[in-house]
């Protein structure tokens, strides 16, 4: 059981008293969603619930506390999640990689934003900052989707117009070495 100190000096369990049960409930509340922005993933019990559900949900986990992020990574092997592109972990206070995290989110539907309720109560300032990162990721994903939809026809036409030029060019293998 992992505990963090609140701003009042009290120690509280990061993942609550029954983390598996709470994670299952949060996942049900989120509904059938392709993308989740998870603020305060704790030790990753919600990720476990996604895995048990057999869902292909993509998750951007936004952890304000670097020490908790280290414990999340140490708890189990998350490599299959990272390698498949289903998980991106952003760690506060700088949240390096947040601008690229929008690529994991499709933007087709607003991603569910789930917040660790224990951390929301215990460390509201840190959670507010993490929520602003989540809002920016969601907004950027939506803007990227809109741009792809708006310019898709133009991109396709330009590619088709360039086919004769591409056909005349040398084989890319000539660039080897």
N, C-alpha and C. Protein backbone atom coordinates (compact mmCIF):
# COMPACT_ATOMS: atom_id res chain seq x y z
N UNK A 1 0.84 -1.18 0.00
CA UNK A 1 0.00 0.00 0.00
C UNK A 1 0.89 1.24 0.00
N UNK A 2 0.66 2.12 -0.96
CA UNK A 2 1.44 3.34 -1.11
C UNK A 2 0.66 4.51 -0.52
N UNK A 3 1.34 5.28 0.32
CA UNK A 3 0.71 6.45 0.91
C UNK A 3 1.49 7.71 0.53
N UNK A 4 0.77 8.81 0.42
CA UNK A 4 1.40 10.11 0.19
C UNK A 4 0.95 11.07 1.28
N UNK A 5 1.77 12.06 1.49
CA UNK A 5 1.46 13.05 2.51
C UNK A 5 0.65 14.18 1.88
N UNK A 6 -0.45 14.53 2.52
CA UNK A 6 -1.28 15.62 2.03
C UNK A 6 -0.63 16.95 2.38
N UNK A 7 -1.19 18.02 1.87
CA UNK A 7 -0.68 19.35 2.20
C UNK A 7 -0.87 19.66 3.69
N UNK A 8 -1.79 18.94 4.35
CA UNK A 8 -2.03 19.12 5.79
C UNK A 8 -1.13 18.24 6.64
N UNK A 9 -0.28 17.43 5.99
CA UNK A 9 0.61 16.56 6.72
C UNK A 9 0.05 15.18 7.04
N UNK A 10 -1.15 14.90 6.60
CA UNK A 10 -1.78 13.60 6.83
C UNK A 10 -1.30 12.60 5.77
N UNK A 11 -1.17 11.33 6.15
CA UNK A 11 -0.79 10.28 5.20
C UNK A 11 -2.04 9.57 4.71
N UNK A 12 -2.20 9.47 3.37
CA UNK A 12 -3.37 8.80 2.80
C UNK A 12 -2.90 7.82 1.72
N UNK A 13 -3.64 6.70 1.57
CA UNK A 13 -3.26 5.74 0.52
C UNK A 13 -3.55 6.31 -0.86
N UNK A 14 -2.57 6.27 -1.75
CA UNK A 14 -2.71 6.85 -3.09
C UNK A 14 -3.86 6.21 -3.85
N UNK A 15 -3.95 4.91 -3.78
CA UNK A 15 -4.96 4.21 -4.57
C UNK A 15 -6.21 3.86 -3.77
N UNK A 16 -6.39 4.46 -2.61
CA UNK A 16 -7.58 4.24 -1.82
C UNK A 16 -7.55 2.89 -1.12
N UNK A 17 -8.61 2.60 -0.35
CA UNK A 17 -8.64 1.37 0.44
C UNK A 17 -8.81 0.10 -0.40
N UNK A 18 -9.55 0.16 -1.48
CA UNK A 18 -9.76 -1.00 -2.36
C UNK A 18 -9.46 -0.58 -3.79
N UNK A 19 -8.19 -0.54 -4.16
CA UNK A 19 -7.81 0.03 -5.46
C UNK A 19 -8.38 -0.71 -6.66
N UNK A 20 -8.44 -2.02 -6.61
CA UNK A 20 -8.97 -2.78 -7.74
C UNK A 20 -10.44 -2.49 -7.96
N UNK A 21 -11.21 -2.45 -6.88
CA UNK A 21 -12.65 -2.17 -6.97
C UNK A 21 -12.90 -0.77 -7.49
N UNK A 22 -12.13 0.19 -6.97
CA UNK A 22 -12.31 1.58 -7.42
C UNK A 22 -11.93 1.73 -8.89
N UNK A 23 -10.88 1.05 -9.31
CA UNK A 23 -10.46 1.13 -10.71
C UNK A 23 -11.53 0.57 -11.63
N UNK A 24 -12.11 -0.55 -11.25
CA UNK A 24 -13.20 -1.14 -12.05
C UNK A 24 -14.37 -0.17 -12.16
N UNK A 25 -14.72 0.48 -11.06
CA UNK A 25 -15.83 1.44 -11.06
C UNK A 25 -15.51 2.63 -11.96
N UNK A 26 -14.29 3.15 -11.88
CA UNK A 26 -13.91 4.28 -12.73
C UNK A 26 -13.98 3.90 -14.20
N UNK A 27 -13.54 2.70 -14.51
CA UNK A 27 -13.56 2.25 -15.90
C UNK A 27 -15.00 2.12 -16.41
N UNK A 28 -15.88 1.62 -15.58
CA UNK A 28 -17.31 1.53 -15.97
C UNK A 28 -17.88 2.93 -16.20
N UNK A 29 -17.53 3.88 -15.32
CA UNK A 29 -18.02 5.25 -15.47
C UNK A 29 -17.54 5.88 -16.77
N UNK A 30 -16.33 5.56 -17.17
CA UNK A 30 -15.76 6.13 -18.40
C UNK A 30 -16.50 5.60 -19.62
N UNK A 31 -17.07 4.40 -19.51
CA UNK A 31 -17.78 3.81 -20.63
C UNK A 31 -16.82 3.26 -21.67
N UNK A 32 -17.35 2.98 -22.83
CA UNK A 32 -16.54 2.41 -23.91
C UNK A 32 -15.83 3.55 -24.62
N UNK A 33 -14.60 3.78 -24.25
CA UNK A 33 -13.84 4.88 -24.82
C UNK A 33 -12.51 4.38 -25.35
N UNK A 34 -12.08 4.94 -26.44
CA UNK A 34 -10.81 4.54 -27.05
C UNK A 34 -9.63 5.19 -26.35
N UNK A 35 -9.87 6.33 -25.72
CA UNK A 35 -8.77 7.10 -25.14
C UNK A 35 -9.12 7.55 -23.73
N UNK A 36 -8.12 7.46 -22.84
CA UNK A 36 -8.29 7.92 -21.46
C UNK A 36 -7.10 8.79 -21.09
N UNK A 37 -7.39 9.92 -20.49
CA UNK A 37 -6.38 10.76 -19.86
C UNK A 37 -6.51 10.49 -18.37
N UNK A 38 -5.52 9.83 -17.80
CA UNK A 38 -5.58 9.37 -16.41
C UNK A 38 -4.69 10.26 -15.56
N UNK A 39 -5.30 11.08 -14.74
CA UNK A 39 -4.58 12.01 -13.88
C UNK A 39 -4.39 11.36 -12.52
N UNK A 40 -3.12 11.11 -12.18
CA UNK A 40 -2.79 10.46 -10.93
C UNK A 40 -3.00 8.95 -11.00
N UNK A 41 -2.24 8.27 -11.87
CA UNK A 41 -2.46 6.83 -12.04
C UNK A 41 -2.07 5.98 -10.84
N UNK A 42 -1.41 6.58 -9.86
CA UNK A 42 -1.00 5.80 -8.69
C UNK A 42 -0.12 4.64 -9.13
N UNK A 43 -0.45 3.45 -8.65
CA UNK A 43 0.34 2.26 -8.99
C UNK A 43 -0.17 1.55 -10.24
N UNK A 44 -1.19 2.11 -10.90
CA UNK A 44 -1.63 1.57 -12.18
C UNK A 44 -2.78 0.58 -12.11
N UNK A 45 -3.57 0.62 -11.05
CA UNK A 45 -4.67 -0.33 -10.94
C UNK A 45 -5.73 -0.13 -12.02
N UNK A 46 -5.92 1.12 -12.48
CA UNK A 46 -6.86 1.33 -13.57
C UNK A 46 -6.34 0.73 -14.86
N UNK A 47 -5.04 0.79 -15.08
CA UNK A 47 -4.45 0.15 -16.26
C UNK A 47 -4.67 -1.36 -16.20
N UNK A 48 -4.54 -1.92 -15.01
CA UNK A 48 -4.82 -3.35 -14.84
C UNK A 48 -6.27 -3.66 -15.21
N UNK A 49 -7.18 -2.79 -14.79
CA UNK A 49 -8.60 -3.00 -15.09
C UNK A 49 -8.86 -2.93 -16.59
N UNK A 50 -8.21 -2.01 -17.28
CA UNK A 50 -8.34 -1.91 -18.74
C UNK A 50 -7.86 -3.21 -19.37
N UNK A 51 -6.74 -3.70 -18.89
CA UNK A 51 -6.17 -4.94 -19.43
C UNK A 51 -7.10 -6.13 -19.19
N UNK A 52 -7.64 -6.23 -17.97
CA UNK A 52 -8.57 -7.33 -17.66
C UNK A 52 -9.82 -7.28 -18.53
N UNK A 53 -10.25 -6.06 -18.86
CA UNK A 53 -11.46 -5.90 -19.67
C UNK A 53 -11.20 -6.27 -21.13
N UNK A 54 -9.93 -6.46 -21.49
CA UNK A 54 -9.60 -6.80 -22.87
C UNK A 54 -9.77 -5.63 -23.81
N UNK A 55 -9.76 -4.44 -23.26
CA UNK A 55 -9.98 -3.23 -24.04
C UNK A 55 -8.69 -2.79 -24.73
N UNK A 56 -8.85 -2.16 -25.88
CA UNK A 56 -7.70 -1.61 -26.62
C UNK A 56 -7.53 -0.13 -26.30
N UNK A 57 -8.08 0.31 -25.19
CA UNK A 57 -8.02 1.71 -24.79
C UNK A 57 -6.57 2.20 -24.71
N UNK A 58 -6.36 3.40 -25.25
CA UNK A 58 -5.06 4.06 -25.15
C UNK A 58 -5.11 5.00 -23.95
N UNK A 59 -4.02 5.05 -23.20
CA UNK A 59 -4.00 5.82 -21.96
C UNK A 59 -2.81 6.77 -21.94
N UNK A 60 -3.09 8.03 -21.63
CA UNK A 60 -2.04 8.98 -21.30
C UNK A 60 -2.15 9.16 -19.79
N UNK A 61 -1.15 8.64 -19.07
CA UNK A 61 -1.12 8.72 -17.61
C UNK A 61 -0.31 9.96 -17.22
N UNK A 62 -0.93 10.82 -16.45
CA UNK A 62 -0.32 12.09 -16.07
C UNK A 62 -0.11 12.06 -14.55
N UNK A 63 1.13 11.78 -14.15
CA UNK A 63 1.44 11.61 -12.73
C UNK A 63 2.21 12.83 -12.21
N UNK A 64 1.61 13.57 -11.27
CA UNK A 64 2.28 14.77 -10.75
C UNK A 64 3.53 14.47 -9.91
N UNK A 65 3.61 13.31 -9.29
CA UNK A 65 4.68 13.01 -8.35
C UNK A 65 5.70 12.05 -8.97
N UNK A 66 6.94 12.50 -9.23
CA UNK A 66 7.94 11.63 -9.82
C UNK A 66 8.20 10.36 -9.02
N UNK A 67 8.13 10.42 -7.69
CA UNK A 67 8.36 9.23 -6.87
C UNK A 67 7.26 8.19 -7.09
N UNK A 68 6.03 8.64 -7.21
CA UNK A 68 4.91 7.72 -7.47
C UNK A 68 5.06 7.12 -8.87
N UNK A 69 5.49 7.94 -9.83
CA UNK A 69 5.70 7.43 -11.19
C UNK A 69 6.76 6.32 -11.19
N UNK A 70 7.81 6.50 -10.42
CA UNK A 70 8.86 5.48 -10.33
C UNK A 70 8.30 4.18 -9.74
N UNK A 71 7.45 4.30 -8.75
CA UNK A 71 6.84 3.11 -8.14
C UNK A 71 5.87 2.44 -9.11
N UNK A 72 5.13 3.23 -9.88
CA UNK A 72 4.25 2.67 -10.91
C UNK A 72 5.06 1.82 -11.88
N UNK A 73 6.17 2.35 -12.34
CA UNK A 73 6.99 1.64 -13.31
C UNK A 73 7.65 0.40 -12.70
N UNK A 74 7.91 0.43 -11.40
CA UNK A 74 8.55 -0.70 -10.74
C UNK A 74 7.56 -1.80 -10.36
N UNK A 75 6.28 -1.47 -10.29
CA UNK A 75 5.29 -2.43 -9.81
C UNK A 75 5.13 -3.63 -10.73
N UNK A 76 5.21 -3.41 -12.03
CA UNK A 76 5.09 -4.50 -13.00
C UNK A 76 5.71 -4.07 -14.33
N UNK A 77 5.75 -4.98 -15.26
CA UNK A 77 6.35 -4.70 -16.57
C UNK A 77 5.30 -4.05 -17.47
N UNK A 78 5.51 -2.76 -17.75
CA UNK A 78 4.59 -2.01 -18.60
C UNK A 78 5.09 -1.93 -20.04
N UNK A 79 6.21 -2.59 -20.36
CA UNK A 79 6.78 -2.49 -21.70
C UNK A 79 5.80 -2.82 -22.82
N UNK A 80 4.98 -3.88 -22.70
CA UNK A 80 4.04 -4.15 -23.80
C UNK A 80 3.09 -2.97 -24.06
N UNK A 81 2.70 -2.29 -23.02
CA UNK A 81 1.83 -1.12 -23.17
C UNK A 81 2.57 0.00 -23.92
N UNK A 82 3.80 0.29 -23.48
CA UNK A 82 4.57 1.36 -24.11
C UNK A 82 4.91 1.01 -25.55
N UNK A 83 5.36 -0.23 -25.78
CA UNK A 83 5.77 -0.64 -27.12
C UNK A 83 4.62 -0.65 -28.12
N UNK A 84 3.41 -0.95 -27.64
CA UNK A 84 2.26 -0.97 -28.55
C UNK A 84 1.69 0.43 -28.77
N UNK A 85 2.19 1.41 -28.03
CA UNK A 85 1.69 2.78 -28.17
C UNK A 85 0.41 3.03 -27.40
N UNK A 86 0.04 2.09 -26.54
CA UNK A 86 -1.20 2.25 -25.77
C UNK A 86 -1.02 3.06 -24.49
N UNK A 87 0.23 3.30 -24.10
CA UNK A 87 0.47 4.03 -22.86
C UNK A 87 1.56 5.06 -23.05
N UNK A 88 1.29 6.24 -22.56
CA UNK A 88 2.29 7.31 -22.49
C UNK A 88 2.23 7.81 -21.05
N UNK A 89 3.39 7.94 -20.42
CA UNK A 89 3.47 8.42 -19.05
C UNK A 89 4.13 9.79 -19.04
N UNK A 90 3.43 10.75 -18.49
CA UNK A 90 3.94 12.11 -18.33
C UNK A 90 4.11 12.36 -16.84
N UNK A 91 5.28 12.87 -16.46
CA UNK A 91 5.59 13.03 -15.05
C UNK A 91 5.83 14.50 -14.73
N UNK A 92 5.18 14.95 -13.65
CA UNK A 92 5.33 16.32 -13.20
C UNK A 92 6.66 16.53 -12.51
N UNK A 93 7.04 17.71 -12.28
CA UNK A 93 6.22 18.90 -12.52
C UNK A 93 6.31 19.46 -13.94
N UNK A 94 7.24 18.92 -14.75
CA UNK A 94 7.46 19.49 -16.09
C UNK A 94 6.62 18.85 -17.18
N UNK A 95 6.20 17.60 -16.98
CA UNK A 95 5.38 16.87 -17.96
C UNK A 95 6.02 16.87 -19.35
N UNK A 96 7.30 16.50 -19.38
CA UNK A 96 8.04 16.43 -20.64
C UNK A 96 7.34 15.44 -21.57
N UNK A 97 7.16 15.84 -22.82
CA UNK A 97 6.50 15.00 -23.81
C UNK A 97 5.01 15.25 -23.94
N UNK A 98 4.48 16.19 -23.18
CA UNK A 98 3.04 16.46 -23.23
C UNK A 98 2.59 16.91 -24.62
N UNK A 99 3.43 17.68 -25.31
CA UNK A 99 3.02 18.17 -26.63
C UNK A 99 2.92 17.05 -27.65
N UNK A 100 3.69 15.96 -27.47
CA UNK A 100 3.60 14.83 -28.39
C UNK A 100 2.53 13.83 -27.94
N UNK A 101 2.07 13.93 -26.70
CA UNK A 101 1.12 12.95 -26.17
C UNK A 101 -0.22 13.00 -26.89
N UNK A 102 -0.53 14.12 -27.51
CA UNK A 102 -1.78 14.22 -28.25
C UNK A 102 -1.86 13.23 -29.41
N UNK A 103 -0.71 12.75 -29.85
CA UNK A 103 -0.69 11.79 -30.97
C UNK A 103 -1.26 10.43 -30.57
N UNK A 104 -1.18 10.09 -29.30
CA UNK A 104 -1.72 8.81 -28.85
C UNK A 104 -3.25 8.88 -28.78
N UNK A 105 -3.77 10.10 -28.65
CA UNK A 105 -5.22 10.32 -28.54
C UNK A 105 -5.78 10.57 -29.93
N UNK A 106 -6.84 9.87 -30.28
CA UNK A 106 -7.36 9.96 -31.65
C UNK A 106 -8.02 11.30 -31.96
N UNK A 107 -8.66 11.90 -30.97
CA UNK A 107 -9.37 13.14 -31.20
C UNK A 107 -10.75 12.96 -31.80
N UNK A 108 -11.07 11.73 -32.24
CA UNK A 108 -12.38 11.48 -32.85
C UNK A 108 -13.49 11.67 -31.84
N UNK A 109 -13.24 11.28 -30.62
CA UNK A 109 -14.20 11.50 -29.53
C UNK A 109 -13.40 12.06 -28.36
N UNK A 110 -14.03 12.92 -27.61
CA UNK A 110 -13.33 13.51 -26.47
C UNK A 110 -12.87 12.38 -25.54
N UNK A 111 -11.59 12.34 -25.19
CA UNK A 111 -11.13 11.27 -24.31
C UNK A 111 -11.73 11.43 -22.92
N UNK A 112 -11.93 10.31 -22.26
CA UNK A 112 -12.39 10.34 -20.88
C UNK A 112 -11.22 10.83 -20.02
N UNK A 113 -11.49 11.75 -19.13
CA UNK A 113 -10.47 12.21 -18.19
C UNK A 113 -10.85 11.66 -16.83
N UNK A 114 -10.01 10.78 -16.32
CA UNK A 114 -10.24 10.16 -15.02
C UNK A 114 -9.22 10.69 -14.04
N UNK A 115 -9.68 11.05 -12.85
CA UNK A 115 -8.81 11.64 -11.84
C UNK A 115 -8.80 10.75 -10.61
N UNK A 116 -7.61 10.54 -10.08
CA UNK A 116 -7.47 9.79 -8.84
C UNK A 116 -8.13 10.61 -7.73
N UNK A 117 -9.25 10.12 -7.16
CA UNK A 117 -9.98 10.94 -6.18
C UNK A 117 -9.19 11.20 -4.90
N UNK A 118 -8.35 10.26 -4.50
CA UNK A 118 -7.54 10.46 -3.30
C UNK A 118 -6.58 11.62 -3.50
N UNK A 119 -5.89 11.62 -4.64
CA UNK A 119 -4.95 12.71 -4.91
C UNK A 119 -5.66 14.03 -5.15
N UNK A 120 -6.85 13.98 -5.75
CA UNK A 120 -7.61 15.22 -5.97
C UNK A 120 -7.92 15.89 -4.64
N UNK A 121 -8.21 15.09 -3.63
CA UNK A 121 -8.50 15.65 -2.31
C UNK A 121 -7.23 16.02 -1.55
N UNK A 122 -6.19 15.20 -1.70
CA UNK A 122 -4.98 15.39 -0.91
C UNK A 122 -4.02 16.43 -1.48
N UNK A 123 -3.96 16.52 -2.79
CA UNK A 123 -2.99 17.41 -3.44
C UNK A 123 -3.65 18.16 -4.59
N UNK A 124 -4.63 18.96 -4.26
CA UNK A 124 -5.45 19.62 -5.28
C UNK A 124 -4.65 20.51 -6.21
N UNK A 125 -3.63 21.21 -5.71
CA UNK A 125 -2.83 22.09 -6.57
C UNK A 125 -2.10 21.32 -7.65
N UNK A 126 -1.48 20.20 -7.28
CA UNK A 126 -0.77 19.38 -8.26
C UNK A 126 -1.74 18.77 -9.27
N UNK A 127 -2.90 18.37 -8.80
CA UNK A 127 -3.90 17.77 -9.68
C UNK A 127 -4.44 18.82 -10.65
N UNK A 128 -4.63 20.04 -10.20
CA UNK A 128 -5.10 21.10 -11.10
C UNK A 128 -4.10 21.34 -12.23
N UNK A 129 -2.82 21.34 -11.90
CA UNK A 129 -1.80 21.50 -12.94
C UNK A 129 -1.84 20.33 -13.91
N UNK A 130 -1.97 19.11 -13.40
CA UNK A 130 -2.05 17.92 -14.26
C UNK A 130 -3.31 17.96 -15.12
N UNK A 131 -4.41 18.45 -14.56
CA UNK A 131 -5.65 18.57 -15.34
C UNK A 131 -5.50 19.58 -16.48
N UNK A 132 -4.72 20.63 -16.26
CA UNK A 132 -4.51 21.59 -17.35
C UNK A 132 -3.69 20.96 -18.46
N UNK A 133 -2.75 20.07 -18.11
CA UNK A 133 -2.00 19.33 -19.12
C UNK A 133 -2.94 18.42 -19.89
N UNK A 134 -3.84 17.73 -19.18
CA UNK A 134 -4.81 16.84 -19.82
C UNK A 134 -5.71 17.62 -20.77
N UNK A 135 -6.16 18.79 -20.36
CA UNK A 135 -7.03 19.61 -21.21
C UNK A 135 -6.29 20.04 -22.48
N UNK A 136 -5.02 20.39 -22.33
CA UNK A 136 -4.22 20.80 -23.50
C UNK A 136 -4.04 19.63 -24.46
N UNK A 137 -3.78 18.44 -23.94
CA UNK A 137 -3.62 17.25 -24.78
C UNK A 137 -4.91 16.97 -25.55
N UNK A 138 -6.02 17.03 -24.86
CA UNK A 138 -7.32 16.79 -25.49
C UNK A 138 -7.60 17.81 -26.58
N UNK A 139 -7.32 19.07 -26.29
CA UNK A 139 -7.55 20.14 -27.26
C UNK A 139 -6.66 19.98 -28.48
N UNK A 140 -5.38 19.63 -28.27
CA UNK A 140 -4.47 19.45 -29.40
C UNK A 140 -4.87 18.25 -30.26
N UNK A 141 -5.33 17.19 -29.62
CA UNK A 141 -5.77 16.01 -30.38
C UNK A 141 -6.97 16.36 -31.26
N UNK A 142 -7.89 17.13 -30.71
CA UNK A 142 -9.06 17.55 -31.47
C UNK A 142 -8.67 18.46 -32.63
N UNK A 143 -7.74 19.37 -32.39
CA UNK A 143 -7.28 20.27 -33.46
C UNK A 143 -6.58 19.49 -34.56
N UNK A 144 -5.77 18.49 -34.18
CA UNK A 144 -5.09 17.66 -35.18
C UNK A 144 -6.09 16.89 -36.02
N UNK A 145 -7.12 16.35 -35.39
CA UNK A 145 -8.15 15.63 -36.14
C UNK A 145 -8.86 16.56 -37.11
N UNK A 146 -9.20 17.75 -36.65
CA UNK A 146 -9.87 18.71 -37.53
C UNK A 146 -9.00 19.08 -38.72
N UNK A 147 -7.70 19.26 -38.49
CA UNK A 147 -6.79 19.59 -39.60
C UNK A 147 -6.69 18.44 -40.58
N UNK A 148 -6.60 17.20 -40.07
CA UNK A 148 -6.54 16.04 -40.98
C UNK A 148 -7.81 15.95 -41.82
N UNK A 149 -8.95 16.18 -41.19
CA UNK A 149 -10.21 16.11 -41.94
C UNK A 149 -10.31 17.24 -42.95
N UNK A 150 -9.89 18.40 -42.56
CA UNK A 150 -10.00 19.57 -43.43
C UNK A 150 -9.09 19.47 -44.65
N UNK A 151 -7.88 18.94 -44.45
CA UNK A 151 -6.89 18.93 -45.52
C UNK A 151 -6.69 17.58 -46.18
N UNK A 152 -7.42 16.57 -45.76
CA UNK A 152 -7.21 15.22 -46.31
C UNK A 152 -7.39 15.19 -47.82
N UNK A 153 -8.42 15.83 -48.33
CA UNK A 153 -8.67 15.85 -49.78
C UNK A 153 -7.52 16.50 -50.52
N UNK A 154 -7.05 17.62 -50.01
CA UNK A 154 -5.95 18.35 -50.64
C UNK A 154 -4.68 17.49 -50.64
N UNK A 155 -4.39 16.83 -49.51
CA UNK A 155 -3.20 15.98 -49.43
C UNK A 155 -3.29 14.84 -50.45
N UNK A 156 -4.44 14.24 -50.55
CA UNK A 156 -4.62 13.13 -51.49
C UNK A 156 -4.43 13.61 -52.93
N UNK A 157 -5.06 14.74 -53.28
CA UNK A 157 -4.92 15.26 -54.65
C UNK A 157 -3.47 15.60 -54.98
N UNK A 158 -2.76 16.22 -54.05
CA UNK A 158 -1.36 16.55 -54.30
C UNK A 158 -0.51 15.30 -54.48
N UNK A 159 -0.79 14.28 -53.69
CA UNK A 159 -0.05 13.03 -53.83
C UNK A 159 -0.32 12.41 -55.19
N UNK A 160 -1.58 12.39 -55.60
CA UNK A 160 -1.93 11.82 -56.91
C UNK A 160 -1.29 12.62 -58.05
N UNK A 161 -1.26 13.94 -57.91
CA UNK A 161 -0.64 14.78 -58.94
C UNK A 161 0.86 14.54 -59.03
N UNK A 162 1.48 14.11 -57.93
CA UNK A 162 2.93 13.91 -57.92
C UNK A 162 3.34 12.50 -58.34
N UNK A 163 2.40 11.63 -58.60
CA UNK A 163 2.74 10.25 -58.98
C UNK A 163 3.63 10.20 -60.22
N UNK A 164 3.34 10.94 -61.29
CA UNK A 164 4.24 10.88 -62.46
C UNK A 164 5.68 11.27 -62.12
N UNK A 165 5.87 12.28 -61.28
CA UNK A 165 7.21 12.71 -60.89
C UNK A 165 7.88 11.62 -60.06
N UNK A 166 7.13 11.03 -59.16
CA UNK A 166 7.67 9.98 -58.30
C UNK A 166 8.08 8.77 -59.14
N UNK A 167 7.29 8.44 -60.15
CA UNK A 167 7.60 7.30 -61.02
C UNK A 167 8.91 7.51 -61.79
N UNK A 168 9.18 8.75 -62.20
CA UNK A 168 10.39 9.05 -62.99
C UNK A 168 11.65 9.09 -62.15
N UNK A 169 11.51 9.27 -60.85
CA UNK A 169 12.67 9.41 -59.98
C UNK A 169 13.40 8.08 -59.81
N UNK A 170 14.64 8.18 -59.37
CA UNK A 170 15.47 6.99 -59.15
C UNK A 170 14.97 6.20 -57.95
N UNK A 171 15.35 4.98 -57.93
CA UNK A 171 15.00 4.08 -56.82
C UNK A 171 15.69 4.60 -55.55
N UNK A 172 14.99 4.56 -54.44
CA UNK A 172 15.54 5.05 -53.17
C UNK A 172 16.76 4.25 -52.73
N UNK A 173 16.94 3.04 -53.25
CA UNK A 173 18.11 2.25 -52.89
C UNK A 173 19.40 2.92 -53.37
N UNK A 174 19.29 3.81 -54.33
CA UNK A 174 20.50 4.51 -54.81
C UNK A 174 21.07 5.45 -53.75
N UNK A 175 20.28 5.75 -52.74
CA UNK A 175 20.74 6.63 -51.66
C UNK A 175 21.54 5.87 -50.61
N UNK A 176 21.55 4.56 -50.68
CA UNK A 176 22.24 3.75 -49.68
C UNK A 176 23.73 4.09 -49.65
N UNK A 177 24.26 4.34 -48.45
CA UNK A 177 25.68 4.62 -48.30
C UNK A 177 25.96 6.08 -48.48
